[in-house]
Amino acid sequence: MVEPVNHQVNTARKTFQTLFQISKLLNTNLDETTLSICIRLCENGVNPHALATVVKELQREVKAMNEAQIESSTSKISTSK
């Protein structure tokens, strides 16, 4: 019984690594953990198009927040001079 389980685990790992490589080639900017969560969500019935829309929106929001933080830091530095 151990052999089939090991084979399934190895197959799952190879499949995930292939999906991660595709994700990188498509410049999704998803790390392994986030990609894993997205895969599990799709496996549990979440609409992939809706999930992609949410992920893109979250990425946009994070980028905007980071840019605002950088801009805020830069203006604080220039006003202190």
PDB file of N, CA and C in Angstrom:
ATOM      1  N   MET A   1       0.805  -1.201   0.000  1.00  0.00           N
ATOM      2  CA  MET A   1       0.000   0.000   0.000  1.00  0.00           C
ATOM      3  C   MET A   1       0.850   1.269   0.000  1.00  0.00           C
ATOM      4  N   VAL A   2       2.057   1.220   0.517  1.00  0.00           N
ATOM      5  CA  VAL A   2       2.896   2.410   0.597  1.00  0.00           C
ATOM      6  C   VAL A   2       3.308   2.877  -0.799  1.00  0.00           C
ATOM      7  N   GLU A   3       3.593   1.971  -1.687  1.00  0.00           N
ATOM      8  CA  GLU A   3       4.041   2.330  -3.034  1.00  0.00           C
ATOM      9  C   GLU A   3       3.038   3.200  -3.784  1.00  0.00           C
ATOM     10  N   PRO A   4       1.743   2.823  -3.841  1.00  0.00           N
ATOM     11  CA  PRO A   4       0.802   3.683  -4.571  1.00  0.00           C
ATOM     12  C   PRO A   4       0.688   5.085  -3.963  1.00  0.00           C
ATOM     13  N   VAL A   5       0.758   5.184  -2.650  1.00  0.00           N
ATOM     14  CA  VAL A   5       0.678   6.491  -2.002  1.00  0.00           C
ATOM     15  C   VAL A   5       1.893   7.331  -2.375  1.00  0.00           C
ATOM     16  N   ASN A   6       3.084   6.746  -2.318  1.00  0.00           N
ATOM     17  CA  ASN A   6       4.308   7.469  -2.704  1.00  0.00           C
ATOM     18  C   ASN A   6       4.234   7.914  -4.159  1.00  0.00           C
ATOM     19  N   HIS A   7       3.707   7.047  -5.011  1.00  0.00           N
ATOM     20  CA  HIS A   7       3.581   7.382  -6.428  1.00  0.00           C
ATOM     21  C   HIS A   7       2.624   8.563  -6.607  1.00  0.00           C
ATOM     22  N   GLN A   8       1.517   8.556  -5.871  1.00  0.00           N
ATOM     23  CA  GLN A   8       0.548   9.654  -5.960  1.00  0.00           C
ATOM     24  C   GLN A   8       1.159  10.965  -5.468  1.00  0.00           C
ATOM     25  N   VAL A   9       1.899  10.888  -4.394  1.00  0.00           N
ATOM     26  CA  VAL A   9       2.543  12.095  -3.847  1.00  0.00           C
ATOM     27  C   VAL A   9       3.556  12.641  -4.842  1.00  0.00           C
ATOM     28  N   ASN A  10       4.379  11.764  -5.423  1.00  0.00           N
ATOM     29  CA  ASN A  10       5.377  12.200  -6.407  1.00  0.00           C
ATOM     30  C   ASN A  10       4.707  12.795  -7.640  1.00  0.00           C
ATOM     31  N   THR A  11       3.626  12.177  -8.083  1.00  0.00           N
ATOM     32  CA  THR A  11       2.895  12.693  -9.236  1.00  0.00           C
ATOM     33  C   THR A  11       2.303  14.063  -8.931  1.00  0.00           C
ATOM     34  N   ALA A  12       1.738  14.213  -7.730  1.00  0.00           N
ATOM     35  CA  ALA A  12       1.161  15.499  -7.330  1.00  0.00           C
ATOM     36  C   ALA A  12       2.244  16.578  -7.269  1.00  0.00           C
ATOM     37  N   ARG A  13       3.410  16.233  -6.745  1.00  0.00           N
ATOM     38  CA  ARG A  13       4.521  17.204  -6.676  1.00  0.00           C
ATOM     39  C   ARG A  13       4.957  17.644  -8.066  1.00  0.00           C
ATOM     40  N   LYS A  14       5.117  16.672  -8.967  1.00  0.00           N
ATOM     41  CA  LYS A  14       5.534  16.995 -10.336  1.00  0.00           C
ATOM     42  C   LYS A  14       4.493  17.860 -11.029  1.00  0.00           C
ATOM     43  N   THR A  15       3.226  17.532 -10.826  1.00  0.00           N
ATOM     44  CA  THR A  15       2.152  18.318 -11.427  1.00  0.00           C
ATOM     45  C   THR A  15       2.174  19.743 -10.899  1.00  0.00           C
ATOM     46  N   PHE A  16       2.344  19.886  -9.578  1.00  0.00           N
ATOM     47  CA  PHE A  16       2.384  21.223  -8.994  1.00  0.00           C
ATOM     48  C   PHE A  16       3.578  22.009  -9.520  1.00  0.00           C
ATOM     49  N   GLN A  17       4.734  21.380  -9.601  1.00  0.00           N
ATOM     50  CA  GLN A  17       5.917  22.084 -10.104  1.00  0.00           C
ATOM     51  C   GLN A  17       5.710  22.531 -11.542  1.00  0.00           C
ATOM     52  N   THR A  18       5.041  21.705 -12.349  1.00  0.00           N
ATOM     53  CA  THR A  18       4.728  22.087 -13.726  1.00  0.00           C
ATOM     54  C   THR A  18       3.785  23.290 -13.740  1.00  0.00           C
ATOM     55  N   LEU A  19       2.750  23.253 -12.897  1.00  0.00           N
ATOM     56  CA  LEU A  19       1.826  24.380 -12.816  1.00  0.00           C
ATOM     57  C   LEU A  19       2.538  25.648 -12.340  1.00  0.00           C
ATOM     58  N   PHE A  20       3.461  25.504 -11.404  1.00  0.00           N
ATOM     59  CA  PHE A  20       4.205  26.661 -10.912  1.00  0.00           C
ATOM     60  C   PHE A  20       5.082  27.247 -12.019  1.00  0.00           C
ATOM     61  N   GLN A  21       5.701  26.391 -12.806  1.00  0.00           N
ATOM     62  CA  GLN A  21       6.527  26.871 -13.925  1.00  0.00           C
ATOM     63  C   GLN A  21       5.666  27.609 -14.950  1.00  0.00           C
ATOM     64  N   ILE A  22       4.481  27.077 -15.245  1.00  0.00           N
ATOM     65  CA  ILE A  22       3.558  27.745 -16.161  1.00  0.00           C
ATOM     66  C   ILE A  22       3.156  29.103 -15.585  1.00  0.00           C
ATOM     67  N   SER A  23       2.871  29.124 -14.296  1.00  0.00           N
ATOM     68  CA  SER A  23       2.509  30.363 -13.616  1.00  0.00           C
ATOM     69  C   SER A  23       3.616  31.405 -13.759  1.00  0.00           C
ATOM     70  N   LYS A  24       4.860  30.982 -13.598  1.00  0.00           N
ATOM     71  CA  LYS A  24       5.994  31.904 -13.739  1.00  0.00           C
ATOM     72  C   LYS A  24       6.121  32.391 -15.178  1.00  0.00           C
ATOM     73  N   LEU A  25       5.951  31.477 -16.146  1.00  0.00           N
ATOM     74  CA  LEU A  25       6.043  31.865 -17.554  1.00  0.00           C
ATOM     75  C   LEU A  25       4.961  32.874 -17.934  1.00  0.00           C
ATOM     76  N   LEU A  26       3.805  32.766 -17.288  1.00  0.00           N
ATOM     77  CA  LEU A  26       2.701  33.682 -17.569  1.00  0.00           C
ATOM     78  C   LEU A  26       2.770  34.957 -16.735  1.00  0.00           C
ATOM     79  N   ASN A  27       3.847  35.098 -15.947  1.00  0.00           N
ATOM     80  CA  ASN A  27       4.053  36.288 -15.102  1.00  0.00           C
ATOM     81  C   ASN A  27       2.852  36.582 -14.207  1.00  0.00           C
ATOM     82  N   THR A  28       2.363  35.546 -13.525  1.00  0.00           N
ATOM     83  CA  THR A  28       1.219  35.733 -12.625  1.00  0.00           C
ATOM     84  C   THR A  28       1.630  36.374 -11.306  1.00  0.00           C
ATOM     85  N   ASN A  29       2.910  36.345 -11.006  1.00  0.00           N
ATOM     86  CA  ASN A  29       3.444  36.864  -9.738  1.00  0.00           C
ATOM     87  C   ASN A  29       2.859  36.148  -8.525  1.00  0.00           C
ATOM     88  N   LEU A  30       2.514  34.883  -8.692  1.00  0.00           N
ATOM     89  CA  LEU A  30       2.025  34.077  -7.584  1.00  0.00           C
ATOM     90  C   LEU A  30       3.177  33.259  -7.023  1.00  0.00           C
ATOM     91  N   ASP A  31       3.328  33.287  -5.701  1.00  0.00           N
ATOM     92  CA  ASP A  31       4.330  32.416  -5.093  1.00  0.00           C
ATOM     93  C   ASP A  31       3.722  31.012  -4.961  1.00  0.00           C
ATOM     94  N   GLU A  32       4.529  30.065  -4.518  1.00  0.00           N
ATOM     95  CA  GLU A  32       4.062  28.674  -4.439  1.00  0.00           C
ATOM     96  C   GLU A  32       2.882  28.520  -3.492  1.00  0.00           C
ATOM     97  N   THR A  33       2.910  29.232  -2.377  1.00  0.00           N
ATOM     98  CA  THR A  33       1.824  29.118  -1.406  1.00  0.00           C
ATOM     99  C   THR A  33       0.516  29.641  -1.981  1.00  0.00           C
ATOM    100  N   THR A  34       0.568  30.805  -2.605  1.00  0.00           N
ATOM    101  CA  THR A  34      -0.637  31.397  -3.178  1.00  0.00           C
ATOM    102  C   THR A  34      -1.178  30.539  -4.310  1.00  0.00           C
ATOM    103  N   LEU A  35      -0.291  30.043  -5.160  1.00  0.00           N
ATOM    104  CA  LEU A  35      -0.726  29.163  -6.243  1.00  0.00           C
ATOM    105  C   LEU A  35      -1.386  27.915  -5.692  1.00  0.00           C
ATOM    106  N   SER A  36      -0.813  27.358  -4.652  1.00  0.00           N
ATOM    107  CA  SER A  36      -1.378  26.168  -4.024  1.00  0.00           C
ATOM    108  C   SER A  36      -2.789  26.441  -3.501  1.00  0.00           C
ATOM    109  N   ILE A  37      -2.977  27.584  -2.875  1.00  0.00           N
ATOM    110  CA  ILE A  37      -4.297  27.961  -2.366  1.00  0.00           C
ATOM    111  C   ILE A  37      -5.282  28.112  -3.523  1.00  0.00           C
ATOM    112  N   CYS A  38      -4.859  28.758  -4.587  1.00  0.00           N
ATOM    113  CA  CYS A  38      -5.736  28.937  -5.753  1.00  0.00           C
ATOM    114  C   CYS A  38      -6.133  27.592  -6.364  1.00  0.00           C
ATOM    115  N   ILE A  39      -5.185  26.674  -6.447  1.00  0.00           N
ATOM    116  CA  ILE A  39      -5.482  25.347  -6.988  1.00  0.00           C
ATOM    117  C   ILE A  39      -6.505  24.643  -6.112  1.00  0.00           C
ATOM    118  N   ARG A  40      -6.304  24.702  -4.793  1.00  0.00           N
ATOM    119  CA  ARG A  40      -7.250  24.052  -3.877  1.00  0.00           C
ATOM    120  C   ARG A  40      -8.638  24.667  -3.981  1.00  0.00           C
ATOM    121  N   LEU A  41      -8.698  25.976  -4.111  1.00  0.00           N
ATOM    122  CA  LEU A  41      -9.990  26.639  -4.255  1.00  0.00           C
ATOM    123  C   LEU A  41     -10.705  26.156  -5.521  1.00  0.00           C
ATOM    124  N   CYS A  42      -9.966  26.073  -6.626  1.00  0.00           N
ATOM    125  CA  CYS A  42     -10.567  25.584  -7.877  1.00  0.00           C
ATOM    126  C   CYS A  42     -11.009  24.127  -7.746  1.00  0.00           C
ATOM    127  N   GLU A  43     -10.198  23.324  -7.083  1.00  0.00           N
ATOM    128  CA  GLU A  43     -10.565  21.917  -6.877  1.00  0.00           C
ATOM    129  C   GLU A  43     -11.836  21.790  -6.036  1.00  0.00           C
ATOM    130  N   ASN A  44     -12.101  22.795  -5.206  1.00  0.00           N
ATOM    131  CA  ASN A  44     -13.286  22.766  -4.346  1.00  0.00           C
ATOM    132  C   ASN A  44     -14.459  23.538  -4.938  1.00  0.00           C
ATOM    133  N   GLY A  45     -14.380  23.858  -6.212  1.00  0.00           N
ATOM    134  CA  GLY A  45     -15.535  24.403  -6.904  1.00  0.00           C
ATOM    135  C   GLY A  45     -15.577  25.895  -7.146  1.00  0.00           C
ATOM    136  N   VAL A  46     -14.542  26.614  -6.752  1.00  0.00           N
ATOM    137  CA  VAL A  46     -14.533  28.054  -6.999  1.00  0.00           C
ATOM    138  C   VAL A  46     -14.366  28.296  -8.502  1.00  0.00           C
ATOM    139  N   ASN A  47     -15.117  29.247  -9.017  1.00  0.00           N
ATOM    140  CA  ASN A  47     -15.032  29.582 -10.432  1.00  0.00           C
ATOM    141  C   ASN A  47     -13.643  30.164 -10.726  1.00  0.00           C
ATOM    142  N   PRO A  48     -12.873  29.542 -11.630  1.00  0.00           N
ATOM    143  CA  PRO A  48     -11.508  30.013 -11.905  1.00  0.00           C
ATOM    144  C   PRO A  48     -11.455  31.437 -12.449  1.00  0.00           C
ATOM    145  N   HIS A  49     -12.448  31.816 -13.261  1.00  0.00           N
ATOM    146  CA  HIS A  49     -12.453  33.181 -13.810  1.00  0.00           C
ATOM    147  C   HIS A  49     -12.696  34.209 -12.714  1.00  0.00           C
ATOM    148  N   ALA A  50     -13.611  33.890 -11.823  1.00  0.00           N
ATOM    149  CA  ALA A  50     -13.881  34.790 -10.702  1.00  0.00           C
ATOM    150  C   ALA A  50     -12.652  34.880  -9.794  1.00  0.00           C
ATOM    151  N   LEU A  51     -12.002  33.758  -9.548  1.00  0.00           N
ATOM    152  CA  LEU A  51     -10.797  33.742  -8.715  1.00  0.00           C
ATOM    153  C   LEU A  51      -9.697  34.579  -9.361  1.00  0.00           C
ATOM    154  N   ALA A  52      -9.517  34.430 -10.665  1.00  0.00           N
ATOM    155  CA  ALA A  52      -8.490  35.214 -11.368  1.00  0.00           C
ATOM    156  C   ALA A  52      -8.780  36.711 -11.253  1.00  0.00           C
ATOM    157  N   THR A  53     -10.040  37.077 -11.361  1.00  0.00           N
ATOM    158  CA  THR A  53     -10.422  38.485 -11.233  1.00  0.00           C
ATOM    159  C   THR A  53     -10.089  39.013  -9.842  1.00  0.00           C
ATOM    160  N   VAL A  54     -10.402  38.234  -8.822  1.00  0.00           N
ATOM    161  CA  VAL A  54     -10.112  38.643  -7.439  1.00  0.00           C
ATOM    162  C   VAL A  54      -8.608  38.763  -7.216  1.00  0.00           C
ATOM    163  N   VAL A  55      -7.847  37.790  -7.703  1.00  0.00           N
ATOM    164  CA  VAL A  55      -6.391  37.814  -7.529  1.00  0.00           C
ATOM    165  C   VAL A  55      -5.798  39.043  -8.217  1.00  0.00           C
ATOM    166  N   LYS A  56      -6.233  39.329  -9.440  1.00  0.00           N
ATOM    167  CA  LYS A  56      -5.717  40.504 -10.158  1.00  0.00           C
ATOM    168  C   LYS A  56      -6.047  41.796  -9.407  1.00  0.00           C
ATOM    169  N   GLU A  57      -7.264  41.876  -8.895  1.00  0.00           N
ATOM    170  CA  GLU A  57      -7.660  43.078  -8.155  1.00  0.00           C
ATOM    171  C   GLU A  57      -6.834  43.238  -6.880  1.00  0.00           C
ATOM    172  N   LEU A  58      -6.624  42.146  -6.172  1.00  0.00           N
ATOM    173  CA  LEU A  58      -5.792  42.203  -4.965  1.00  0.00           C
ATOM    174  C   LEU A  58      -4.362  42.619  -5.303  1.00  0.00           C
ATOM    175  N   GLN A  59      -3.831  42.105  -6.399  1.00  0.00           N
ATOM    176  CA  GLN A  59      -2.479  42.485  -6.802  1.00  0.00           C
ATOM    177  C   GLN A  59      -2.417  43.976  -7.129  1.00  0.00           C
ATOM    178  N   ARG A  60      -3.455  44.504  -7.801  1.00  0.00           N
ATOM    179  CA  ARG A  60      -3.511  45.937  -8.104  1.00  0.00           C
ATOM    180  C   ARG A  60      -3.552  46.768  -6.827  1.00  0.00           C
ATOM    181  N   GLU A  61      -4.363  46.330  -5.873  1.00  0.00           N
ATOM    182  CA  GLU A  61      -4.487  47.053  -4.614  1.00  0.00           C
ATOM    183  C   GLU A  61      -3.163  47.065  -3.839  1.00  0.00           C
ATOM    184  N   VAL A  62      -2.500  45.933  -3.790  1.00  0.00           N
ATOM    185  CA  VAL A  62      -1.212  45.840  -3.094  1.00  0.00           C
ATOM    186  C   VAL A  62      -0.193  46.756  -3.769  1.00  0.00           C
ATOM    187  N   LYS A  63      -0.179  46.751  -5.092  1.00  0.00           N
ATOM    188  CA  LYS A  63       0.758  47.616  -5.822  1.00  0.00           C
ATOM    189  C   LYS A  63       0.474  49.086  -5.515  1.00  0.00           C
ATOM    190  N   ALA A  64      -0.789  49.463  -5.517  1.00  0.00           N
ATOM    191  CA  ALA A  64      -1.160  50.852  -5.226  1.00  0.00           C
ATOM    192  C   ALA A  64      -0.771  51.236  -3.803  1.00  0.00           C
ATOM    193  N   MET A  65      -0.994  50.334  -2.862  1.00  0.00           N
ATOM    194  CA  MET A  65      -0.624  50.609  -1.470  1.00  0.00           C
ATOM    195  C   MET A  65       0.884  50.754  -1.329  1.00  0.00           C
ATOM    196  N   ASN A  66       1.634  49.887  -2.000  1.00  0.00           N
ATOM    197  CA  ASN A  66       3.100  49.969  -1.935  1.00  0.00           C
ATOM    198  C   ASN A  66       3.605  51.269  -2.544  1.00  0.00           C
ATOM    199  N   GLU A  67       3.003  51.664  -3.680  1.00  0.00           N
ATOM    200  CA  GLU A  67       3.420  52.913  -4.321  1.00  0.00           C
ATOM    201  C   GLU A  67       3.097  54.115  -3.438  1.00  0.00           C
ATOM    202  N   ALA A  68       1.942  54.085  -2.790  1.00  0.00           N
ATOM    203  CA  ALA A  68       1.560  55.180  -1.891  1.00  0.00           C
ATOM    204  C   ALA A  68       2.502  55.251  -0.698  1.00  0.00           C
ATOM    205  N   GLN A  69       2.887  54.089  -0.191  1.00  0.00           N
ATOM    206  CA  GLN A  69       3.804  54.057   0.951  1.00  0.00           C
ATOM    207  C   GLN A  69       5.175  54.595   0.549  1.00  0.00           C
ATOM    208  N   ILE A  70       5.640  54.223  -0.627  1.00  0.00           N
ATOM    209  CA  ILE A  70       6.930  54.715  -1.111  1.00  0.00           C
ATOM    210  C   ILE A  70       6.860  56.223  -1.317  1.00  0.00           C
ATOM    211  N   GLU A  71       5.768  56.684  -1.910  1.00  0.00           N
ATOM    212  CA  GLU A  71       5.596  58.120  -2.144  1.00  0.00           C
ATOM    213  C   GLU A  71       5.557  58.882  -0.822  1.00  0.00           C
ATOM    214  N   SER A  72       4.874  58.318   0.151  1.00  0.00           N
ATOM    215  CA  SER A  72       4.792  58.947   1.469  1.00  0.00           C
ATOM    216  C   SER A  72       6.165  59.005   2.122  1.00  0.00           C
ATOM    217  N   SER A  73       6.914  57.925   2.029  1.00  0.00           N
ATOM    218  CA  SER A  73       8.259  57.886   2.607  1.00  0.00           C
ATOM    219  C   SER A  73       9.176  58.883   1.913  1.00  0.00           C
ATOM    220  N   THR A  74       9.074  58.965   0.605  1.00  0.00           N
ATOM    221  CA  THR A  74       9.904  59.883  -0.161  1.00  0.00           C
ATOM    222  C   THR A  74       9.586  61.325   0.186  1.00  0.00           C
ATOM    223  N   SER A  75       8.297  61.660   0.332  1.00  0.00           N
ATOM    224  CA  SER A  75       7.945  63.040   0.658  1.00  0.00           C
ATOM    225  C   SER A  75       8.372  63.402   2.077  1.00  0.00           C
ATOM    226  N   LYS A  76       8.337  62.444   3.010  1.00  0.00           N
ATOM    227  CA  LYS A  76       8.801  62.710   4.362  1.00  0.00           C
ATOM    228  C   LYS A  76      10.298  62.992   4.376  1.00  0.00           C
ATOM    229  N   ILE A  77      11.031  62.243   3.574  1.00  0.00           N
ATOM    230  CA  ILE A  77      12.492  62.430   3.519  1.00  0.00           C
ATOM    231  C   ILE A  77      12.807  63.802   2.912  1.00  0.00           C
ATOM    232  N   SER A  78      12.113  64.177   1.826  1.00  0.00           N
ATOM    233  CA  SER A  78      12.420  65.449   1.164  1.00  0.00           C
ATOM    234  C   SER A  78      11.994  66.646   1.999  1.00  0.00           C
ATOM    235  N   THR A  79      10.942  66.516   2.817  1.00  0.00           N
ATOM    236  CA  THR A  79      10.523  67.640   3.653  1.00  0.00           C
ATOM    237  C   THR A  79      11.403  67.797   4.890  1.00  0.00           C
ATOM    238  N   SER A  80      12.087  66.732   5.272  1.00  0.00           N
ATOM    239  CA  SER A  80      12.942  66.820   6.457  1.00  0.00           C
ATOM    240  C   SER A  80      14.304  67.411   6.137  1.00  0.00           C
ATOM    241  N   LYS A  81      14.603  67.625   4.876  1.00  0.00           N
ATOM    242  CA  LYS A  81      15.916  68.175   4.491  1.00  0.00           C
ATOM    243  C   LYS A  81      15.935  69.654   4.572  1.00  0.00           C
TER     244      LYS A  81
END
